Structures are given as C-alpha cells and as structure tokens.
C-alpha cells in the first residue's frame, strides 16, 4: 500500500464534483461531500473516503435517490415518524438530528424515527452535530444480516451501530460502535490496506475465530461484542428501530439485492431543560478526571475518552492532509 495525503478541501471538492455528475443538486452535493470529507478528516476513513465509491455505486443502481426528501408520516408529542424516501443516508440523518433537537427544544426530549432511508455512514457524525449544540444524543440504525446470534452458524442479526454523545467543553464525548467487534467498514478498510485485525473479529468458513478481513468478509459472520450480550443488544435495537419507524427489519432488509431502506432512530435531550444544567459541565469534568487517573498497563499509551482521538486526528489530518491509498484515490478522481 502506497499512502498519500490529500488536503481536506481537495477531497471535499472531488466528492462534490462526482456527486454533481450523479444528479445531486449543488446544495446537496456540497453537504454530502462535506460529511464524507469530515468523516475522513476525523480518522473514520472506513466510513468516509473508503466508503464513497460504494455510495456512488448505489446511486447508479437506484438504491439511493439523490433528489428525495424526508417526509413526515406522523407525530405525537415528543416522537415523530418520518419516511426517508430512499434519500441519501447522510443527508436524511443530518436532517433527523436537527429535527430531534427541534422537538427536544419544545419537549425536553425529542425522538425522530425514520424508515426507508439509507446507510448514514459514520453514526458519530450526528452525535457530534447534536452535542456541539448542547444536546445529549442517542441514535442507532439497523442493517442487513451480517452477524450471528451467539452459538449460531449463520448470520441473522445486523451489526446495528449505536451512538451516544454528550457535550464536553467546545467538543464532545462520543461513543460510536457497531454490535460486531469491528464494523464491516473497518474490516473492508483493513483489507484494502493489506492489514489484519488487531484482535479476532469474526468467524471463517470453518467456524473458527479469525483476524483476517478476507475470511470474515467471505462468511459475513462478524463477532458480536460481548458475545451473547452484543447479540441480544443487536436484536433489541433492530426491534426498536423497526417498530418506532414503522420500517423494515434486518430480516426484511436482507431479502433485498443490496442493503437499502434501513430503519433509524434519533433521540436528542435538551440539557438546558434540566435543573442541574449549570453544574453539568463540572460534573462531567470530574468524571473524566477520575477516569484518566486510572493506573495504566502501558504508561506510554494514555487513556482517551470516546471521541478524544477524533480531535487529535482532525487537527493532524487538516495540517498534513488525509491519508489514503494512492491507487484508491486515483480510482476516485477518475470517476
């Protein structure tokens, strides 16, 4: 692998150029390109630059409708249901996050569930979006089948990523995780880079745990986090996403040629509505200070709270450029 570094502005401009060629309006192309580029800037290459070609492939196949807009189906108090009309997943997710914050401003909490949408790419993007505005964020999505129940030989669960985010100073604490030990985007990125997973991440065709990306992608049997606990959490997230959005379940999504039309949930909590709001920042600081006071197994590797590494990578990649495989980037700019 020959790694080069691409300036953020250049990557964003290339993404926008390609989206414009694929029937995006100028406004939508710029916004969607920005999300892909920021995901890459902040070190989530698996759901940024390395995922972009598949996004374009799905556009060309008609799984993603570039001109579609989300449509409200119903609403009652602090909960709303929307239809994504197969619009671009990142744009629908950004909209739903804004809408959840708007509902929370009126009710203290807002829950927006959307059916018939598409892959949101990096779920943490929307956690950062809400937390920077002063809101707690909880969100998740279902997926196609790509994870077995603990003890099962075939995948009938999705890795159903989930996000928690809390405001913290000018940044945020953001936990973004799939129900598999490694997201499939990460597994695919490591395969592209010619690397193995640092820990076992799934099963090969012999039902053995493996850290080889190609073997996991062959079986689509990712290892559930926490074994049976991750499998159980995946099942409940799928159930809740399906019933809250009135959308498709993992089982139904898996009958389609490719994953599209997923169900997602976006919850925002307006901290300003809480009696203890003035002391929340100091409370979080005390908790983080205690967390970082832990004795370390490897003193040269300090503890980082979820999202802290993003801040470091954002600054480094903005200064040096975003790292990407040269051949992969050449393929993108030729699109």
C-alpha atoms as a PDB file:
ATOM      1  CA  UNK A   1       0.000   0.000   0.000  1.00  0.00           C
ATOM      2  CA  UNK A   2       1.356   3.419  -1.007  1.00  0.00           C
ATOM      3  CA  UNK A   3      -0.212   6.074   1.227  1.00  0.00           C
ATOM      4  CA  UNK A   4      -0.543   9.673   0.097  1.00  0.00           C
ATOM      5  CA  UNK A   5      -2.149  12.622   1.878  1.00  0.00           C
ATOM      6  CA  UNK A   6      -4.942  14.634   0.291  1.00  0.00           C
ATOM      7  CA  UNK A   7      -5.871  18.107   1.597  1.00  0.00           C
ATOM      8  CA  UNK A   8      -9.328  18.249   3.148  1.00  0.00           C
ATOM      9  CA  UNK A   9     -10.575  20.938   0.747  1.00  0.00           C
ATOM     10  CA  UNK A  10      -9.398  18.931  -2.274  1.00  0.00           C
ATOM     11  CA  UNK A  11     -11.101  15.746  -1.081  1.00  0.00           C
ATOM     12  CA  UNK A  12     -14.336  17.594  -0.364  1.00  0.00           C
ATOM     13  CA  UNK A  13     -14.250  19.240  -3.809  1.00  0.00           C
ATOM     14  CA  UNK A  14     -13.678  15.897  -5.577  1.00  0.00           C
ATOM     15  CA  UNK A  15     -16.580  14.283  -3.729  1.00  0.00           C
ATOM     16  CA  UNK A  16     -18.854  17.204  -4.634  1.00  0.00           C
ATOM     17  CA  UNK A  17     -17.782  17.067  -8.299  1.00  0.00           C
ATOM     18  CA  UNK A  18     -18.632  13.384  -8.536  1.00  0.00           C
ATOM     19  CA  UNK A  19     -21.989  13.813  -6.783  1.00  0.00           C
ATOM     20  CA  UNK A  20     -22.922  16.623  -9.159  1.00  0.00           C
ATOM     21  CA  UNK A  21     -22.278  14.200 -12.033  1.00  0.00           C
ATOM     22  CA  UNK A  22     -24.713  11.805 -10.369  1.00  0.00           C
ATOM     23  CA  UNK A  23     -27.761  14.098 -10.289  1.00  0.00           C
ATOM     24  CA  UNK A  24     -27.230  15.817  -6.934  1.00  0.00           C
ATOM     25  CA  UNK A  25     -28.235  19.448  -6.637  1.00  0.00           C
ATOM     26  CA  UNK A  26     -25.345  21.774  -5.859  1.00  0.00           C
ATOM     27  CA  UNK A  27     -26.531  22.287  -2.269  1.00  0.00           C
ATOM     28  CA  UNK A  28     -26.954  18.576  -1.587  1.00  0.00           C
ATOM     29  CA  UNK A  29     -23.663  17.692  -3.284  1.00  0.00           C
ATOM     30  CA  UNK A  30     -21.754  20.165  -1.122  1.00  0.00           C
ATOM     31  CA  UNK A  31     -23.385  18.981   2.107  1.00  0.00           C
ATOM     32  CA  UNK A  32     -22.979  15.276   1.392  1.00  0.00           C
ATOM     33  CA  UNK A  33     -19.392  15.765   0.221  1.00  0.00           C
ATOM     34  CA  UNK A  34     -18.660  17.666   3.412  1.00  0.00           C
ATOM     35  CA  UNK A  35     -19.917  14.768   5.565  1.00  0.00           C
ATOM     36  CA  UNK A  36     -17.765  12.241   3.693  1.00  0.00           C
ATOM     37  CA  UNK A  37     -14.728  14.515   3.866  1.00  0.00           C
ATOM     38  CA  UNK A  38     -15.159  15.321   7.579  1.00  0.00           C
ATOM     39  CA  UNK A  39     -15.521  11.627   8.398  1.00  0.00           C
ATOM     40  CA  UNK A  40     -12.183  11.124   6.640  1.00  0.00           C
ATOM     41  CA  UNK A  41     -10.607  14.191   8.254  1.00  0.00           C
ATOM     42  CA  UNK A  42     -11.510  12.879  11.693  1.00  0.00           C
ATOM     43  CA  UNK A  43      -9.924   9.500  11.072  1.00  0.00           C
ATOM     44  CA  UNK A  44     -13.011   7.423  10.210  1.00  0.00           C
ATOM     45  CA  UNK A  45     -11.701   6.538   6.755  1.00  0.00           C
ATOM     46  CA  UNK A  46     -13.806   3.365   6.639  1.00  0.00           C
ATOM     47  CA  UNK A  47     -16.986   5.467   6.560  1.00  0.00           C
ATOM     48  CA  UNK A  48     -15.501   8.364   4.623  1.00  0.00           C
ATOM     49  CA  UNK A  49     -13.180   8.102   1.655  1.00  0.00           C
ATOM     50  CA  UNK A  50     -13.139   4.291   1.570  1.00  0.00           C
ATOM     51  CA  UNK A  51     -16.934   4.092   1.572  1.00  0.00           C
ATOM     52  CA  UNK A  52     -17.519   6.772  -1.072  1.00  0.00           C
ATOM     53  CA  UNK A  53     -17.215   4.535  -4.180  1.00  0.00           C
ATOM     54  CA  UNK A  54     -19.914   2.194  -2.852  1.00  0.00           C
ATOM     55  CA  UNK A  55     -22.159   5.188  -2.196  1.00  0.00           C
ATOM     56  CA  UNK A  56     -21.763   6.207  -5.853  1.00  0.00           C
ATOM     57  CA  UNK A  57     -22.382   2.613  -6.965  1.00  0.00           C
ATOM     58  CA  UNK A  58     -25.672   2.559  -5.052  1.00  0.00           C
ATOM     59  CA  UNK A  59     -26.629   5.894  -6.621  1.00  0.00           C
ATOM     60  CA  UNK A  60     -26.094   4.467 -10.090  1.00  0.00           C
ATOM     61  CA  UNK A  61     -28.125   1.357  -9.258  1.00  0.00           C
ATOM     62  CA  UNK A  62     -31.021   3.453  -7.989  1.00  0.00           C
ATOM     63  CA  UNK A  63     -30.866   2.278  -4.374  1.00  0.00           C
ATOM     64  CA  UNK A  64     -30.242   5.897  -3.320  1.00  0.00           C
ATOM     65  CA  UNK A  65     -32.473   8.663  -4.730  1.00  0.00           C
ATOM     66  CA  UNK A  66     -30.398  11.878  -4.863  1.00  0.00           C
ATOM     67  CA  UNK A  67     -33.381  14.228  -5.090  1.00  0.00           C
ATOM     68  CA  UNK A  68     -35.565  12.547  -2.433  1.00  0.00           C
ATOM     69  CA  UNK A  69     -36.542  14.413   0.729  1.00  0.00           C
ATOM     70  CA  UNK A  70     -37.723  13.032   4.079  1.00  0.00           C
ATOM     71  CA  UNK A  71     -41.479  13.187   4.618  1.00  0.00           C
ATOM     72  CA  UNK A  72     -43.273  13.312   7.974  1.00  0.00           C
ATOM     73  CA  UNK A  73     -45.667  10.420   8.473  1.00  0.00           C
ATOM     74  CA  UNK A  74     -46.960  11.036  11.995  1.00  0.00           C
ATOM     75  CA  UNK A  75     -46.170  12.809  15.252  1.00  0.00           C
ATOM     76  CA  UNK A  76     -47.383  12.758  18.840  1.00  0.00           C
ATOM     77  CA  UNK A  77     -45.752  14.941  21.456  1.00  0.00           C
ATOM     78  CA  UNK A  78     -42.038  14.234  21.590  1.00  0.00           C
ATOM     79  CA  UNK A  79     -41.981  11.444  18.994  1.00  0.00           C
ATOM     80  CA  UNK A  80     -42.187  11.660  15.217  1.00  0.00           C
ATOM     81  CA  UNK A  81     -42.123   9.137  12.383  1.00  0.00           C
ATOM     82  CA  UNK A  82     -40.635  10.014   9.002  1.00  0.00           C
ATOM     83  CA  UNK A  83     -40.212   8.328   5.615  1.00  0.00           C
ATOM     84  CA  UNK A  84     -36.745   8.799   4.117  1.00  0.00           C
ATOM     85  CA  UNK A  85     -37.975   8.006   0.576  1.00  0.00           C
ATOM     86  CA  UNK A  86     -34.627   6.282  -0.075  1.00  0.00           C
ATOM     87  CA  UNK A  87     -32.811   9.619   0.018  1.00  0.00           C
ATOM     88  CA  UNK A  88     -29.069   9.885   0.720  1.00  0.00           C
ATOM     89  CA  UNK A  89     -28.490   8.410   4.178  1.00  0.00           C
ATOM     90  CA  UNK A  90     -26.098  11.097   5.473  1.00  0.00           C
ATOM     91  CA  UNK A  91     -28.466  13.899   4.471  1.00  0.00           C
ATOM     92  CA  UNK A  92     -31.510  12.172   5.964  1.00  0.00           C
ATOM     93  CA  UNK A  93     -29.569  11.526   9.181  1.00  0.00           C
ATOM     94  CA  UNK A  94     -28.383  15.121   9.413  1.00  0.00           C
ATOM     95  CA  UNK A  95     -31.975  16.282   8.934  1.00  0.00           C
ATOM     96  CA  UNK A  96     -33.352  13.864  11.553  1.00  0.00           C
ATOM     97  CA  UNK A  97     -30.761  15.024  14.073  1.00  0.00           C
ATOM     98  CA  UNK A  98     -31.804  18.633  13.545  1.00  0.00           C
ATOM     99  CA  UNK A  99     -35.449  17.656  13.830  1.00  0.00           C
ATOM    100  CA  UNK A 100     -34.844  15.685  17.043  1.00  0.00           C
ATOM    101  CA  UNK A 101     -33.132  18.755  18.555  1.00  0.00           C
ATOM    102  CA  UNK A 102     -36.045  20.942  17.487  1.00  0.00           C
ATOM    103  CA  UNK A 103     -38.556  18.589  19.143  1.00  0.00           C
ATOM    104  CA  UNK A 104     -36.360  18.403  22.242  1.00  0.00           C
ATOM    105  CA  UNK A 105     -36.280  22.194  22.483  1.00  0.00           C
ATOM    106  CA  UNK A 106     -40.050  22.113  22.863  1.00  0.00           C
ATOM    107  CA  UNK A 107     -40.391  18.968  24.988  1.00  0.00           C
ATOM    108  CA  UNK A 108     -37.053  18.418  26.727  1.00  0.00           C
ATOM    109  CA  UNK A 109     -36.576  15.233  24.693  1.00  0.00           C
ATOM    110  CA  UNK A 110     -37.189  14.500  21.038  1.00  0.00           C
ATOM    111  CA  UNK A 111     -37.336  11.169  19.242  1.00  0.00           C
ATOM    112  CA  UNK A 112     -37.355  11.062  15.458  1.00  0.00           C
ATOM    113  CA  UNK A 113     -37.572   7.627  13.838  1.00  0.00           C
ATOM    114  CA  UNK A 114     -37.132   7.268  10.091  1.00  0.00           C
ATOM    115  CA  UNK A 115     -37.987   4.361   7.798  1.00  0.00           C
ATOM    116  CA  UNK A 116     -36.940   3.750   4.205  1.00  0.00           C
ATOM    117  CA  UNK A 117     -33.635   5.597   4.487  1.00  0.00           C
ATOM    118  CA  UNK A 118     -30.058   4.619   3.624  1.00  0.00           C
ATOM    119  CA  UNK A 119     -26.706   3.997   5.297  1.00  0.00           C
ATOM    120  CA  UNK A 120     -25.799   7.011   7.438  1.00  0.00           C
ATOM    121  CA  UNK A 121     -22.065   6.297   7.007  1.00  0.00           C
ATOM    122  CA  UNK A 122     -20.451   7.282  10.333  1.00  0.00           C
ATOM    123  CA  UNK A 123     -23.097   7.446  13.045  1.00  0.00           C
ATOM    124  CA  UNK A 124     -20.844   9.531  15.281  1.00  0.00           C
ATOM    125  CA  UNK A 125     -21.221  12.421  12.830  1.00  0.00           C
ATOM    126  CA  UNK A 126     -24.711  13.062  14.172  1.00  0.00           C
ATOM    127  CA  UNK A 127     -23.608  12.677  17.784  1.00  0.00           C
ATOM    128  CA  UNK A 128     -21.070  15.451  17.225  1.00  0.00           C
ATOM    129  CA  UNK A 129     -23.712  17.515  15.431  1.00  0.00           C
ATOM    130  CA  UNK A 130     -26.092  17.412  18.409  1.00  0.00           C
ATOM    131  CA  UNK A 131     -23.542  17.585  21.235  1.00  0.00           C
ATOM    132  CA  UNK A 132     -21.923  20.716  19.820  1.00  0.00           C
ATOM    133  CA  UNK A 133     -25.330  22.353  20.060  1.00  0.00           C
ATOM    134  CA  UNK A 134     -25.669  21.364  23.725  1.00  0.00           C
ATOM    135  CA  UNK A 135     -27.810  18.238  23.336  1.00  0.00           C
ATOM    136  CA  UNK A 136     -27.317  14.685  24.507  1.00  0.00           C
ATOM    137  CA  UNK A 137     -27.682  12.339  21.540  1.00  0.00           C
ATOM    138  CA  UNK A 138     -28.672   8.676  21.316  1.00  0.00           C
ATOM    139  CA  UNK A 139     -29.140   7.075  17.923  1.00  0.00           C
ATOM    140  CA  UNK A 140     -28.986   3.753  16.137  1.00  0.00           C
ATOM    141  CA  UNK A 141     -29.694   2.036  12.848  1.00  0.00           C
ATOM    142  CA  UNK A 142     -30.454  -1.484  11.751  1.00  0.00           C
ATOM    143  CA  UNK A 143     -28.594  -3.191   8.911  1.00  0.00           C
ATOM    144  CA  UNK A 144     -28.732  -6.251   6.719  1.00  0.00           C
ATOM    145  CA  UNK A 145     -27.799  -9.626   8.238  1.00  0.00           C
ATOM    146  CA  UNK A 146     -24.071  -9.714   8.979  1.00  0.00           C
ATOM    147  CA  UNK A 147     -23.713 -11.146  12.499  1.00  0.00           C
ATOM    148  CA  UNK A 148     -24.700 -14.493  14.018  1.00  0.00           C
ATOM    149  CA  UNK A 149     -26.542 -14.913  17.276  1.00  0.00           C
ATOM    150  CA  UNK A 150     -24.138 -16.318  19.839  1.00  0.00           C
ATOM    151  CA  UNK A 151     -23.879 -20.039  19.141  1.00  0.00           C
ATOM    152  CA  UNK A 152     -25.446 -19.830  15.675  1.00  0.00           C
ATOM    153  CA  UNK A 153     -23.765 -20.878  12.429  1.00  0.00           C
ATOM    154  CA  UNK A 154     -25.469 -18.310  10.189  1.00  0.00           C
ATOM    155  CA  UNK A 155     -25.928 -14.550  10.380  1.00  0.00           C
ATOM    156  CA  UNK A 156     -29.474 -13.418  11.078  1.00  0.00           C
ATOM    157  CA  UNK A 157     -28.662 -10.283  13.094  1.00  0.00           C
ATOM    158  CA  UNK A 158     -27.328  -6.930  11.926  1.00  0.00           C
ATOM    159  CA  UNK A 159     -24.322  -5.190  13.440  1.00  0.00           C
ATOM    160  CA  UNK A 160     -26.774  -2.323  14.118  1.00  0.00           C
ATOM    161  CA  UNK A 161     -24.452   0.585  15.070  1.00  0.00           C
ATOM    162  CA  UNK A 162     -25.332   2.766  18.060  1.00  0.00           C
ATOM    163  CA  UNK A 163     -24.165   6.229  19.120  1.00  0.00           C
ATOM    164  CA  UNK A 164     -24.107   8.079  22.439  1.00  0.00           C
ATOM    165  CA  UNK A 165     -22.891  11.678  22.645  1.00  0.00           C
ATOM    166  CA  UNK A 166     -22.609  14.272  25.418  1.00  0.00           C
ATOM    167  CA  UNK A 167     -21.428  17.908  25.163  1.00  0.00           C
ATOM    168  CA  UNK A 168     -17.986  18.464  26.710  1.00  0.00           C
ATOM    169  CA  UNK A 169     -16.471  21.936  26.554  1.00  0.00           C
ATOM    170  CA  UNK A 170     -16.155  23.017  22.947  1.00  0.00           C
ATOM    171  CA  UNK A 171     -16.043  19.374  21.819  1.00  0.00           C
ATOM    172  CA  UNK A 172     -17.956  16.235  22.832  1.00  0.00           C
ATOM    173  CA  UNK A 173     -17.699  12.763  24.287  1.00  0.00           C
ATOM    174  CA  UNK A 174     -18.929  10.480  21.508  1.00  0.00           C
ATOM    175  CA  UNK A 175     -19.206   6.690  21.613  1.00  0.00           C
ATOM    176  CA  UNK A 176     -19.937   5.216  18.187  1.00  0.00           C
ATOM    177  CA  UNK A 177     -19.903   1.443  17.948  1.00  0.00           C
ATOM    178  CA  UNK A 178     -21.281  -1.466  15.951  1.00  0.00           C
ATOM    179  CA  UNK A 179     -22.576  -4.628  17.574  1.00  0.00           C
ATOM    180  CA  UNK A 180     -19.756  -6.525  15.861  1.00  0.00           C
ATOM    181  CA  UNK A 181     -16.263  -6.280  17.337  1.00  0.00           C
ATOM    182  CA  UNK A 182     -15.239  -4.355  14.216  1.00  0.00           C
ATOM    183  CA  UNK A 183     -17.565  -2.580  11.796  1.00  0.00           C
ATOM    184  CA  UNK A 184     -17.622  -4.003   8.283  1.00  0.00           C
ATOM    185  CA  UNK A 185     -16.384  -0.657   7.018  1.00  0.00           C
ATOM    186  CA  UNK A 186     -13.297  -1.042   9.220  1.00  0.00           C
ATOM    187  CA  UNK A 187     -12.825  -4.644   8.100  1.00  0.00           C
ATOM    188  CA  UNK A 188     -13.043  -3.601   4.439  1.00  0.00           C
ATOM    189  CA  UNK A 189     -10.622  -0.701   5.016  1.00  0.00           C
ATOM    190  CA  UNK A 190      -8.050  -3.018   6.610  1.00  0.00           C
ATOM    191  CA  UNK A 191      -8.403  -5.422   3.701  1.00  0.00           C
ATOM    192  CA  UNK A 192      -7.725  -2.529   1.306  1.00  0.00           C
ATOM    193  CA  UNK A 193      -4.656  -1.595   3.353  1.00  0.00           C
ATOM    194  CA  UNK A 194      -3.415  -5.204   3.398  1.00  0.00           C
ATOM    195  CA  UNK A 195      -3.623  -5.426   7.194  1.00  0.00           C
ATOM    196  CA  UNK A 196      -5.063  -7.908   9.673  1.00  0.00           C
ATOM    197  CA  UNK A 197      -7.394  -7.012  12.534  1.00  0.00           C
ATOM    198  CA  UNK A 198      -5.587  -6.423  15.859  1.00  0.00           C
ATOM    199  CA  UNK A 199      -7.950  -8.922  17.533  1.00  0.00           C
ATOM    200  CA  UNK A 200     -10.247 -11.687  16.320  1.00  0.00           C
ATOM    201  CA  UNK A 201     -13.230 -10.041  14.640  1.00  0.00           C
ATOM    202  CA  UNK A 202     -15.329 -12.823  13.179  1.00  0.00           C
ATOM    203  CA  UNK A 203     -15.609 -16.404  12.022  1.00  0.00           C
ATOM    204  CA  UNK A 204     -14.158 -18.118   8.962  1.00  0.00           C
ATOM    205  CA  UNK A 205     -15.873 -20.858   6.955  1.00  0.00           C
ATOM    206  CA  UNK A 206     -14.558 -23.460   9.421  1.00  0.00           C
ATOM    207  CA  UNK A 207     -16.417 -21.751  12.320  1.00  0.00           C
ATOM    208  CA  UNK A 208     -13.085 -20.587  13.748  1.00  0.00           C
ATOM    209  CA  UNK A 209     -12.403 -17.111  15.098  1.00  0.00           C
ATOM    210  CA  UNK A 210     -10.134 -15.151  12.781  1.00  0.00           C
ATOM    211  CA  UNK A 211      -8.487 -11.752  12.454  1.00  0.00           C
ATOM    212  CA  UNK A 212      -8.199 -11.955   8.673  1.00  0.00           C
ATOM    213  CA  UNK A 213     -10.518  -9.450   6.934  1.00  0.00           C
ATOM    214  CA  UNK A 214     -10.915 -11.557   3.795  1.00  0.00           C
ATOM    215  CA  UNK A 215     -12.128 -14.569   5.776  1.00  0.00           C
ATOM    216  CA  UNK A 216     -14.728 -12.517   7.671  1.00  0.00           C
ATOM    217  CA  UNK A 217     -15.962 -10.816   4.508  1.00  0.00           C
ATOM    218  CA  UNK A 218     -16.309 -14.250   2.901  1.00  0.00           C
ATOM    219  CA  UNK A 219     -18.656 -15.531   5.626  1.00  0.00           C
ATOM    220  CA  UNK A 220     -20.226 -12.211   6.737  1.00  0.00           C
ATOM    221  CA  UNK A 221     -20.155 -13.581  10.282  1.00  0.00           C
ATOM    222  CA  UNK A 222     -18.785 -10.794  12.460  1.00  0.00           C
ATOM    223  CA  UNK A 223     -18.063 -11.490  16.132  1.00  0.00           C
ATOM    224  CA  UNK A 224     -20.730  -9.961  18.441  1.00  0.00           C
ATOM    225  CA  UNK A 225     -19.346  -7.568  21.048  1.00  0.00           C
ATOM    226  CA  UNK A 226     -19.640  -9.159  24.462  1.00  0.00           C
ATOM    227  CA  UNK A 227     -20.600 -12.417  22.727  1.00  0.00           C
ATOM    228  CA  UNK A 228     -24.221 -13.177  23.743  1.00  0.00           C
ATOM    229  CA  UNK A 229     -24.692  -9.670  25.191  1.00  0.00           C
ATOM    230  CA  UNK A 230     -23.898  -7.981  21.881  1.00  0.00           C
ATOM    231  CA  UNK A 231     -26.153 -10.387  20.035  1.00  0.00           C
ATOM    232  CA  UNK A 232     -29.033  -9.638  22.418  1.00  0.00           C
ATOM    233  CA  UNK A 233     -28.468  -5.894  22.135  1.00  0.00           C
ATOM    234  CA  UNK A 234     -28.469  -6.156  18.346  1.00  0.00           C
ATOM    235  CA  UNK A 235     -31.805  -7.939  18.388  1.00  0.00           C
ATOM    236  CA  UNK A 236     -33.433  -5.297  20.606  1.00  0.00           C
ATOM    237  CA  UNK A 237     -32.028  -2.409  18.546  1.00  0.00           C
ATOM    238  CA  UNK A 238     -33.485  -3.962  15.404  1.00  0.00           C
ATOM    239  CA  UNK A 239     -36.869  -4.447  17.066  1.00  0.00           C
ATOM    240  CA  UNK A 240     -36.972  -0.871  18.350  1.00  0.00           C
ATOM    241  CA  UNK A 241     -35.780   0.708  15.096  1.00  0.00           C
ATOM    242  CA  UNK A 242     -38.375  -1.287  13.174  1.00  0.00           C
ATOM    243  CA  UNK A 243     -41.382  -0.554  15.376  1.00  0.00           C
ATOM    244  CA  UNK A 244     -40.547   3.091  16.163  1.00  0.00           C
ATOM    245  CA  UNK A 245     -40.061   3.961  12.483  1.00  0.00           C
ATOM    246  CA  UNK A 246     -42.680   1.539  11.093  1.00  0.00           C
ATOM    247  CA  UNK A 247     -39.906   0.455   8.754  1.00  0.00           C
ATOM    248  CA  UNK A 248     -38.111  -2.671   7.614  1.00  0.00           C
ATOM    249  CA  UNK A 249     -36.381  -5.113   9.951  1.00  0.00           C
ATOM    250  CA  UNK A 250     -32.968  -6.705   9.447  1.00  0.00           C
ATOM    251  CA  UNK A 251     -34.702  -9.851   8.183  1.00  0.00           C
ATOM    252  CA  UNK A 252     -36.704  -7.895   5.585  1.00  0.00           C
ATOM    253  CA  UNK A 253     -33.723  -5.755   4.530  1.00  0.00           C
ATOM    254  CA  UNK A 254     -31.718  -8.900   3.858  1.00  0.00           C
ATOM    255  CA  UNK A 255     -34.160 -10.009   1.167  1.00  0.00           C
ATOM    256  CA  UNK A 256     -33.076  -7.074  -0.999  1.00  0.00           C
ATOM    257  CA  UNK A 257     -30.292  -7.202  -3.571  1.00  0.00           C
ATOM    258  CA  UNK A 258     -28.235  -4.717  -1.556  1.00  0.00           C
ATOM    259  CA  UNK A 259     -28.774  -3.035   1.805  1.00  0.00           C
ATOM    260  CA  UNK A 260     -31.075  -0.038   1.394  1.00  0.00           C
ATOM    261  CA  UNK A 261     -34.257   1.191   3.039  1.00  0.00           C
ATOM    262  CA  UNK A 262     -32.960   0.824   6.606  1.00  0.00           C
ATOM    263  CA  UNK A 263     -34.695   1.986   9.798  1.00  0.00           C
ATOM    264  CA  UNK A 264     -33.095   4.509  12.174  1.00  0.00           C
ATOM    265  CA  UNK A 265     -33.790   6.308  15.454  1.00  0.00           C
ATOM    266  CA  UNK A 266     -32.518   9.731  16.568  1.00  0.00           C
ATOM    267  CA  UNK A 267     -33.039  10.916  20.151  1.00  0.00           C
ATOM    268  CA  UNK A 268     -31.976  14.334  21.459  1.00  0.00           C
ATOM    269  CA  UNK A 269     -32.177  15.621  25.043  1.00  0.00           C
ATOM    270  CA  UNK A 270     -32.033  19.354  25.743  1.00  0.00           C
ATOM    271  CA  UNK A 271     -29.770  19.693  28.786  1.00  0.00           C
ATOM    272  CA  UNK A 272     -30.883  23.287  29.310  1.00  0.00           C
ATOM    273  CA  UNK A 273     -34.233  21.946  30.480  1.00  0.00           C
ATOM    274  CA  UNK A 274     -32.630  20.214  33.470  1.00  0.00           C
ATOM    275  CA  UNK A 275     -32.491  21.790  36.942  1.00  0.00           C
ATOM    276  CA  UNK A 276     -28.809  20.871  37.327  1.00  0.00           C
ATOM    277  CA  UNK A 277     -27.819  22.325  33.951  1.00  0.00           C
ATOM    278  CA  UNK A 278     -25.406  24.926  35.424  1.00  0.00           C
ATOM    279  CA  UNK A 279     -23.319  22.203  37.076  1.00  0.00           C
ATOM    280  CA  UNK A 280     -23.356  19.585  34.285  1.00  0.00           C
ATOM    281  CA  UNK A 281     -20.064  20.690  32.713  1.00  0.00           C
ATOM    282  CA  UNK A 282     -18.173  20.478  36.003  1.00  0.00           C
ATOM    283  CA  UNK A 283     -19.811  17.129  36.817  1.00  0.00           C
ATOM    284  CA  UNK A 284     -18.599  15.642  33.531  1.00  0.00           C
ATOM    285  CA  UNK A 285     -15.114  17.088  34.091  1.00  0.00           C
ATOM    286  CA  UNK A 286     -14.861  15.389  37.492  1.00  0.00           C
ATOM    287  CA  UNK A 287     -15.911  12.062  35.977  1.00  0.00           C
ATOM    288  CA  UNK A 288     -13.386  12.356  33.139  1.00  0.00           C
ATOM    289  CA  UNK A 289     -10.586  13.385  35.528  1.00  0.00           C
ATOM    290  CA  UNK A 290     -11.275  10.309  37.650  1.00  0.00           C
ATOM    291  CA  UNK A 291     -11.357   8.134  34.519  1.00  0.00           C
ATOM    292  CA  UNK A 292      -7.947   9.436  33.429  1.00  0.00           C
ATOM    293  CA  UNK A 293      -6.466   8.891  36.889  1.00  0.00           C
ATOM    294  CA  UNK A 294      -6.516   5.135  36.272  1.00  0.00           C
ATOM    295  CA  UNK A 295      -3.225   3.304  36.683  1.00  0.00           C
ATOM    296  CA  UNK A 296      -2.036   2.306  33.196  1.00  0.00           C
ATOM    297  CA  UNK A 297      -0.856  -1.066  31.940  1.00  0.00           C
ATOM    298  CA  UNK A 298       1.262   0.750  29.357  1.00  0.00           C
ATOM    299  CA  UNK A 299       2.251   4.232  30.601  1.00  0.00           C
ATOM    300  CA  UNK A 300       3.227   5.261  27.058  1.00  0.00           C
ATOM    301  CA  UNK A 301      -0.412   4.800  25.977  1.00  0.00           C
ATOM    302  CA  UNK A 302      -2.561   7.301  27.899  1.00  0.00           C
ATOM    303  CA  UNK A 303      -6.295   6.776  28.286  1.00  0.00           C
ATOM    304  CA  UNK A 304      -8.593   8.652  25.953  1.00  0.00           C
ATOM    305  CA  UNK A 305     -12.303   9.150  26.451  1.00  0.00           C
ATOM    306  CA  UNK A 306     -14.528   8.242  23.464  1.00  0.00           C
ATOM    307  CA  UNK A 307     -14.137  10.940  20.833  1.00  0.00           C
ATOM    308  CA  UNK A 308     -10.870  12.379  22.150  1.00  0.00           C
ATOM    309  CA  UNK A 309      -8.785  10.719  19.439  1.00  0.00           C
ATOM    310  CA  UNK A 310     -11.061  12.331  16.832  1.00  0.00           C
ATOM    311  CA  UNK A 311      -9.961  15.790  17.996  1.00  0.00           C
ATOM    312  CA  UNK A 312      -6.290  14.859  17.599  1.00  0.00           C
ATOM    313  CA  UNK A 313      -6.755  13.282  14.156  1.00  0.00           C
ATOM    314  CA  UNK A 314      -8.864  16.188  12.938  1.00  0.00           C
ATOM    315  CA  UNK A 315      -6.033  18.604  13.701  1.00  0.00           C
ATOM    316  CA  UNK A 316      -3.290  16.349  12.304  1.00  0.00           C
ATOM    317  CA  UNK A 317      -5.115  15.492   9.079  1.00  0.00           C
ATOM    318  CA  UNK A 318      -6.109  19.098   8.470  1.00  0.00           C
ATOM    319  CA  UNK A 319      -2.465  20.096   8.799  1.00  0.00           C
ATOM    320  CA  UNK A 320      -0.879  17.199   6.897  1.00  0.00           C
ATOM    321  CA  UNK A 321      -3.693  16.010   4.642  1.00  0.00           C
ATOM    322  CA  UNK A 322      -5.946  12.938   4.842  1.00  0.00           C
ATOM    323  CA  UNK A 323      -4.086   9.613   4.384  1.00  0.00           C
ATOM    324  CA  UNK A 324      -5.430   7.353   1.644  1.00  0.00           C
ATOM    325  CA  UNK A 325      -4.098   4.599  -0.578  1.00  0.00           C
ATOM    326  CA  UNK A 326      -2.794   6.222  -3.770  1.00  0.00           C
ATOM    327  CA  UNK A 327      -4.393   3.706  -6.146  1.00  0.00           C
ATOM    328  CA  UNK A 328      -7.719   4.007  -4.317  1.00  0.00           C
ATOM    329  CA  UNK A 329      -7.626   7.811  -4.621  1.00  0.00           C
ATOM    330  CA  UNK A 330      -6.706   7.635  -8.305  1.00  0.00           C
ATOM    331  CA  UNK A 331      -9.760   5.431  -8.854  1.00  0.00           C
ATOM    332  CA  UNK A 332     -11.952   8.009  -7.120  1.00  0.00           C
ATOM    333  CA  UNK A 333     -10.728  11.004  -9.093  1.00  0.00           C
ATOM    334  CA  UNK A 334     -11.265   9.076 -12.326  1.00  0.00           C
ATOM    335  CA  UNK A 335     -14.972   8.602 -11.501  1.00  0.00           C
END
